[in-house]
Amino acid sequence: MLLDTELVERAAKALGTTRPTDTVRASLKQSVRRAHVANLVSWELPDDAADEFEQQREPRRAEE
């Protein structure tokens, strides 16, 4: 695998890693995590989901 050494050094500083292997591994993990977050953000809820969330936020009253 051919890597841009300057880019690896910059990534290592940003990630706080010292070895190239650790830097690449951390970079890959962050890329996967970012993709998962983007997927969650774009996840669409059904139209009635807001009503259901609002009902769950209401304080529960003790039955008398």
PDB file of N, CA and C in Angstrom:
ATOM      1  N   MET A   1       0.846  -1.155   0.000  1.00  0.00           N
ATOM      2  CA  MET A   1       0.000   0.000   0.000  1.00  0.00           C
ATOM      3  C   MET A   1       0.903   1.232   0.000  1.00  0.00           C
ATOM      4  N   LEU A   2       0.646   2.133  -0.898  1.00  0.00           N
ATOM      5  CA  LEU A   2       1.413   3.368  -0.973  1.00  0.00           C
ATOM      6  C   LEU A   2       0.630   4.471  -0.291  1.00  0.00           C
ATOM      7  N   LEU A   3       1.267   5.117   0.679  1.00  0.00           N
ATOM      8  CA  LEU A   3       0.608   6.179   1.431  1.00  0.00           C
ATOM      9  C   LEU A   3       1.373   7.476   1.274  1.00  0.00           C
ATOM     10  N   ASP A   4       0.649   8.564   1.250  1.00  0.00           N
ATOM     11  CA  ASP A   4       1.244   9.890   1.239  1.00  0.00           C
ATOM     12  C   ASP A   4       1.784  10.138   2.651  1.00  0.00           C
ATOM     13  N   THR A   5       3.103  10.117   2.814  1.00  0.00           N
ATOM     14  CA  THR A   5       3.700  10.201   4.149  1.00  0.00           C
ATOM     15  C   THR A   5       3.386  11.520   4.853  1.00  0.00           C
ATOM     16  N   GLU A   6       3.333  12.592   4.094  1.00  0.00           N
ATOM     17  CA  GLU A   6       2.993  13.878   4.705  1.00  0.00           C
ATOM     18  C   GLU A   6       1.562  13.844   5.250  1.00  0.00           C
ATOM     19  N   LEU A   7       0.670  13.261   4.496  1.00  0.00           N
ATOM     20  CA  LEU A   7      -0.720  13.154   4.941  1.00  0.00           C
ATOM     21  C   LEU A   7      -0.832  12.248   6.164  1.00  0.00           C
ATOM     22  N   VAL A   8      -0.092  11.168   6.180  1.00  0.00           N
ATOM     23  CA  VAL A   8      -0.082  10.272   7.345  1.00  0.00           C
ATOM     24  C   VAL A   8       0.443  11.008   8.572  1.00  0.00           C
ATOM     25  N   GLU A   9       1.488  11.807   8.405  1.00  0.00           N
ATOM     26  CA  GLU A   9       2.038  12.581   9.522  1.00  0.00           C
ATOM     27  C   GLU A   9       1.029  13.595  10.041  1.00  0.00           C
ATOM     28  N   ARG A  10       0.333  14.269   9.143  1.00  0.00           N
ATOM     29  CA  ARG A  10      -0.687  15.247   9.550  1.00  0.00           C
ATOM     30  C   ARG A  10      -1.838  14.552  10.262  1.00  0.00           C
ATOM     31  N   ALA A  11      -2.250  13.407   9.745  1.00  0.00           N
ATOM     32  CA  ALA A  11      -3.323  12.649  10.393  1.00  0.00           C
ATOM     33  C   ALA A  11      -2.894  12.159  11.764  1.00  0.00           C
ATOM     34  N   ALA A  12      -1.639  11.730  11.890  1.00  0.00           N
ATOM     35  CA  ALA A  12      -1.121  11.264  13.176  1.00  0.00           C
ATOM     36  C   ALA A  12      -1.168  12.381  14.212  1.00  0.00           C
ATOM     37  N   LYS A  13      -0.809  13.581  13.820  1.00  0.00           N
ATOM     38  CA  LYS A  13      -0.880  14.721  14.744  1.00  0.00           C
ATOM     39  C   LYS A  13      -2.320  14.996  15.148  1.00  0.00           C
ATOM     40  N   ALA A  14      -3.214  14.947  14.193  1.00  0.00           N
ATOM     41  CA  ALA A  14      -4.624  15.220  14.478  1.00  0.00           C
ATOM     42  C   ALA A  14      -5.238  14.138  15.358  1.00  0.00           C
ATOM     43  N   LEU A  15      -4.819  12.897  15.170  1.00  0.00           N
ATOM     44  CA  LEU A  15      -5.398  11.768  15.895  1.00  0.00           C
ATOM     45  C   LEU A  15      -4.652  11.423  17.172  1.00  0.00           C
ATOM     46  N   GLY A  16      -3.451  11.948  17.314  1.00  0.00           N
ATOM     47  CA  GLY A  16      -2.651  11.630  18.488  1.00  0.00           C
ATOM     48  C   GLY A  16      -2.037  10.243  18.442  1.00  0.00           C
ATOM     49  N   THR A  17      -1.790   9.741  17.251  1.00  0.00           N
ATOM     50  CA  THR A  17      -1.169   8.434  17.086  1.00  0.00           C
ATOM     51  C   THR A  17       0.311   8.611  16.778  1.00  0.00           C
ATOM     52  N   THR A  18       1.068   7.517  16.956  1.00  0.00           N
ATOM     53  CA  THR A  18       2.509   7.626  16.713  1.00  0.00           C
ATOM     54  C   THR A  18       2.990   6.721  15.590  1.00  0.00           C
ATOM     55  N   ARG A  19       2.330   5.582  15.404  1.00  0.00           N
ATOM     56  CA  ARG A  19       2.769   4.655  14.352  1.00  0.00           C
ATOM     57  C   ARG A  19       1.837   4.759  13.143  1.00  0.00           C
ATOM     58  N   PRO A  20       2.373   4.632  11.930  1.00  0.00           N
ATOM     59  CA  PRO A  20       1.538   4.710  10.731  1.00  0.00           C
ATOM     60  C   PRO A  20       0.373   3.708  10.751  1.00  0.00           C
ATOM     61  N   THR A  21       0.618   2.504  11.248  1.00  0.00           N
ATOM     62  CA  THR A  21      -0.457   1.505  11.301  1.00  0.00           C
ATOM     63  C   THR A  21      -1.601   1.991  12.184  1.00  0.00           C
ATOM     64  N   ASP A  22      -1.259   2.560  13.339  1.00  0.00           N
ATOM     65  CA  ASP A  22      -2.283   3.083  14.243  1.00  0.00           C
ATOM     66  C   ASP A  22      -3.022   4.264  13.622  1.00  0.00           C
ATOM     67  N   THR A  23      -2.292   5.071  12.892  1.00  0.00           N
ATOM     68  CA  THR A  23      -2.895   6.232  12.237  1.00  0.00           C
ATOM     69  C   THR A  23      -3.898   5.792  11.175  1.00  0.00           C
ATOM     70  N   VAL A  24      -3.512   4.844  10.357  1.00  0.00           N
ATOM     71  CA  VAL A  24      -4.418   4.351   9.312  1.00  0.00           C
ATOM     72  C   VAL A  24      -5.629   3.686   9.944  1.00  0.00           C
ATOM     73  N   ARG A  25      -5.415   2.885  10.968  1.00  0.00           N
ATOM     74  CA  ARG A  25      -6.517   2.204  11.643  1.00  0.00           C
ATOM     75  C   ARG A  25      -7.497   3.221  12.244  1.00  0.00           C
ATOM     76  N   ALA A  26      -6.968   4.232  12.937  1.00  0.00           N
ATOM     77  CA  ALA A  26      -7.824   5.253  13.547  1.00  0.00           C
ATOM     78  C   ALA A  26      -8.578   6.048  12.478  1.00  0.00           C
ATOM     79  N   SER A  27      -7.907   6.332  11.385  1.00  0.00           N
ATOM     80  CA  SER A  27      -8.556   7.058  10.289  1.00  0.00           C
ATOM     81  C   SER A  27      -9.700   6.247   9.690  1.00  0.00           C
ATOM     82  N   LEU A  28      -9.467   4.969   9.499  1.00  0.00           N
ATOM     83  CA  LEU A  28     -10.517   4.105   8.953  1.00  0.00           C
ATOM     84  C   LEU A  28     -11.702   4.021   9.905  1.00  0.00           C
ATOM     85  N   LYS A  29     -11.425   3.885  11.204  1.00  0.00           N
ATOM     86  CA  LYS A  29     -12.507   3.818  12.193  1.00  0.00           C
ATOM     87  C   LYS A  29     -13.333   5.108  12.175  1.00  0.00           C
ATOM     88  N   GLN A  30     -12.657   6.251  12.095  1.00  0.00           N
ATOM     89  CA  GLN A  30     -13.383   7.515  12.055  1.00  0.00           C
ATOM     90  C   GLN A  30     -14.218   7.646  10.790  1.00  0.00           C
ATOM     91  N   SER A  31     -13.711   7.152   9.685  1.00  0.00           N
ATOM     92  CA  SER A  31     -14.470   7.201   8.428  1.00  0.00           C
ATOM     93  C   SER A  31     -15.736   6.360   8.525  1.00  0.00           C
ATOM     94  N   VAL A  32     -15.609   5.181   9.094  1.00  0.00           N
ATOM     95  CA  VAL A  32     -16.775   4.302   9.253  1.00  0.00           C
ATOM     96  C   VAL A  32     -17.778   4.936  10.212  1.00  0.00           C
ATOM     97  N   ARG A  33     -17.280   5.473  11.326  1.00  0.00           N
ATOM     98  CA  ARG A  33     -18.156   6.116  12.311  1.00  0.00           C
ATOM     99  C   ARG A  33     -18.893   7.296  11.681  1.00  0.00           C
ATOM    100  N   ARG A  34     -18.177   8.105  10.900  1.00  0.00           N
ATOM    101  CA  ARG A  34     -18.792   9.256  10.241  1.00  0.00           C
ATOM    102  C   ARG A  34     -19.896   8.807   9.279  1.00  0.00           C
ATOM    103  N   ALA A  35     -19.659   7.719   8.566  1.00  0.00           N
ATOM    104  CA  ALA A  35     -20.675   7.201   7.645  1.00  0.00           C
ATOM    105  C   ALA A  35     -21.900   6.722   8.406  1.00  0.00           C
ATOM    106  N   HIS A  36     -21.700   6.085   9.561  1.00  0.00           N
ATOM    107  CA  HIS A  36     -22.827   5.616  10.373  1.00  0.00           C
ATOM    108  C   HIS A  36     -23.642   6.800  10.887  1.00  0.00           C
ATOM    109  N   VAL A  37     -22.961   7.837  11.346  1.00  0.00           N
ATOM    110  CA  VAL A  37     -23.665   9.026  11.836  1.00  0.00           C
ATOM    111  C   VAL A  37     -24.449   9.680  10.703  1.00  0.00           C
ATOM    112  N   ALA A  38     -23.843   9.794   9.549  1.00  0.00           N
ATOM    113  CA  ALA A  38     -24.542  10.383   8.396  1.00  0.00           C
ATOM    114  C   ALA A  38     -25.767   9.567   8.040  1.00  0.00           C
ATOM    115  N   ASN A  39     -25.658   8.260   8.153  1.00  0.00           N
ATOM    116  CA  ASN A  39     -26.796   7.390   7.862  1.00  0.00           C
ATOM    117  C   ASN A  39     -27.910   7.627   8.873  1.00  0.00           C
ATOM    118  N   LEU A  40     -27.568   7.752  10.144  1.00  0.00           N
ATOM    119  CA  LEU A  40     -28.574   8.004  11.171  1.00  0.00           C
ATOM    120  C   LEU A  40     -29.243   9.358  10.975  1.00  0.00           C
ATOM    121  N   VAL A  41     -28.460  10.357  10.605  1.00  0.00           N
ATOM    122  CA  VAL A  41     -29.007  11.696  10.406  1.00  0.00           C
ATOM    123  C   VAL A  41     -29.998  11.700   9.251  1.00  0.00           C
ATOM    124  N   SER A  42     -29.733  10.943   8.229  1.00  0.00           N
ATOM    125  CA  SER A  42     -30.606  10.931   7.058  1.00  0.00           C
ATOM    126  C   SER A  42     -31.783   9.975   7.210  1.00  0.00           C
ATOM    127  N   TRP A  43     -31.821   9.234   8.315  1.00  0.00           N
ATOM    128  CA  TRP A  43     -32.897   8.269   8.546  1.00  0.00           C
ATOM    129  C   TRP A  43     -34.206   9.001   8.697  1.00  0.00           C
ATOM    130  N   GLU A  44     -35.203   8.588   7.948  1.00  0.00           N
ATOM    131  CA  GLU A  44     -36.497   9.259   7.981  1.00  0.00           C
ATOM    132  C   GLU A  44     -37.470   8.486   8.856  1.00  0.00           C
ATOM    133  N   LEU A  45     -38.153   9.226   9.711  1.00  0.00           N
ATOM    134  CA  LEU A  45     -39.165   8.636  10.585  1.00  0.00           C
ATOM    135  C   LEU A  45     -40.534   8.774   9.942  1.00  0.00           C
ATOM    136  N   PRO A  46     -41.465   7.908  10.306  1.00  0.00           N
ATOM    137  CA  PRO A  46     -42.820   8.050   9.790  1.00  0.00           C
ATOM    138  C   PRO A  46     -43.417   9.384  10.239  1.00  0.00           C
ATOM    139  N   ASP A  47     -44.418   9.875   9.506  1.00  0.00           N
ATOM    140  CA  ASP A  47     -45.023  11.176   9.801  1.00  0.00           C
ATOM    141  C   ASP A  47     -45.585  11.263  11.221  1.00  0.00           C
ATOM    142  N   ASP A  48     -46.121  10.164  11.738  1.00  0.00           N
ATOM    143  CA  ASP A  48     -46.741  10.203  13.064  1.00  0.00           C
ATOM    144  C   ASP A  48     -45.742   9.993  14.203  1.00  0.00           C
ATOM    145  N   ALA A  49     -44.469   9.862  13.895  1.00  0.00           N
ATOM    146  CA  ALA A  49     -43.463   9.620  14.928  1.00  0.00           C
ATOM    147  C   ALA A  49     -43.347  10.795  15.890  1.00  0.00           C
ATOM    148  N   ALA A  50     -43.482  12.021  15.383  1.00  0.00           N
ATOM    149  CA  ALA A  50     -43.370  13.200  16.250  1.00  0.00           C
ATOM    150  C   ALA A  50     -44.451  13.183  17.319  1.00  0.00           C
ATOM    151  N   ASP A  51     -45.668  12.793  16.950  1.00  0.00           N
ATOM    152  CA  ASP A  51     -46.751  12.715  17.931  1.00  0.00           C
ATOM    153  C   ASP A  51     -46.447  11.677  19.001  1.00  0.00           C
ATOM    154  N   GLU A  52     -45.913  10.544  18.587  1.00  0.00           N
ATOM    155  CA  GLU A  52     -45.583   9.490  19.534  1.00  0.00           C
ATOM    156  C   GLU A  52     -44.470   9.933  20.482  1.00  0.00           C
ATOM    157  N   PHE A  53     -43.477  10.616  19.963  1.00  0.00           N
ATOM    158  CA  PHE A  53     -42.401  11.121  20.820  1.00  0.00           C
ATOM    159  C   PHE A  53     -42.952  12.127  21.829  1.00  0.00           C
ATOM    160  N   GLU A  54     -43.841  12.992  21.368  1.00  0.00           N
ATOM    161  CA  GLU A  54     -44.416  14.003  22.244  1.00  0.00           C
ATOM    162  C   GLU A  54     -45.211  13.348  23.374  1.00  0.00           C
ATOM    163  N   GLN A  55     -45.950  12.298  23.063  1.00  0.00           N
ATOM    164  CA  GLN A  55     -46.712  11.582  24.090  1.00  0.00           C
ATOM    165  C   GLN A  55     -45.779  10.967  25.119  1.00  0.00           C
ATOM    166  N   GLN A  56     -44.655  10.461  24.685  1.00  0.00           N
ATOM    167  CA  GLN A  56     -43.722   9.834  25.615  1.00  0.00           C
ATOM    168  C   GLN A  56     -43.022  10.864  26.487  1.00  0.00           C
ATOM    169  N   ARG A  57     -42.961  12.099  26.051  1.00  0.00           N
ATOM    170  CA  ARG A  57     -42.350  13.153  26.855  1.00  0.00           C
ATOM    171  C   ARG A  57     -43.262  13.642  27.969  1.00  0.00           C
ATOM    172  N   GLU A  58     -44.584  13.470  27.799  1.00  0.00           N
ATOM    173  CA  GLU A  58     -45.531  13.931  28.807  1.00  0.00           C
ATOM    174  C   GLU A  58     -45.282  13.196  30.120  1.00  0.00           C
ATOM    175  N   PRO A  59     -45.382  13.933  31.234  1.00  0.00           N
ATOM    176  CA  PRO A  59     -45.170  13.257  32.520  1.00  0.00           C
ATOM    177  C   PRO A  59     -46.215  12.183  32.746  1.00  0.00           C
ATOM    178  N   ARG A  60     -45.755  11.090  33.298  1.00  0.00           N
ATOM    179  CA  ARG A  60     -46.671  10.004  33.584  1.00  0.00           C
ATOM    180  C   ARG A  60     -47.364  10.286  34.907  1.00  0.00           C
ATOM    181  N   ARG A  61     -48.646  10.109  34.926  1.00  0.00           N
ATOM    182  CA  ARG A  61     -49.411  10.354  36.136  1.00  0.00           C
ATOM    183  C   ARG A  61     -49.650   9.048  36.857  1.00  0.00           C
ATOM    184  N   ALA A  62     -49.489   9.066  38.135  1.00  0.00           N
ATOM    185  CA  ALA A  62     -49.764   7.859  38.932  1.00  0.00           C
ATOM    186  C   ALA A  62     -51.255   7.596  38.913  1.00  0.00           C
ATOM    187  N   GLU A  63     -51.594   6.364  38.719  1.00  0.00           N
ATOM    188  CA  GLU A  63     -53.006   5.996  38.720  1.00  0.00           C
ATOM    189  C   GLU A  63     -53.548   6.113  40.125  1.00  0.00           C
ATOM    190  N   GLU A  64     -54.722   6.721  40.263  1.00  0.00           N
ATOM    191  CA  GLU A  64     -55.312   6.907  41.595  1.00  0.00           C
ATOM    192  C   GLU A  64     -56.272   5.802  41.912  1.00  0.00           C
TER     193      GLU A  64
END
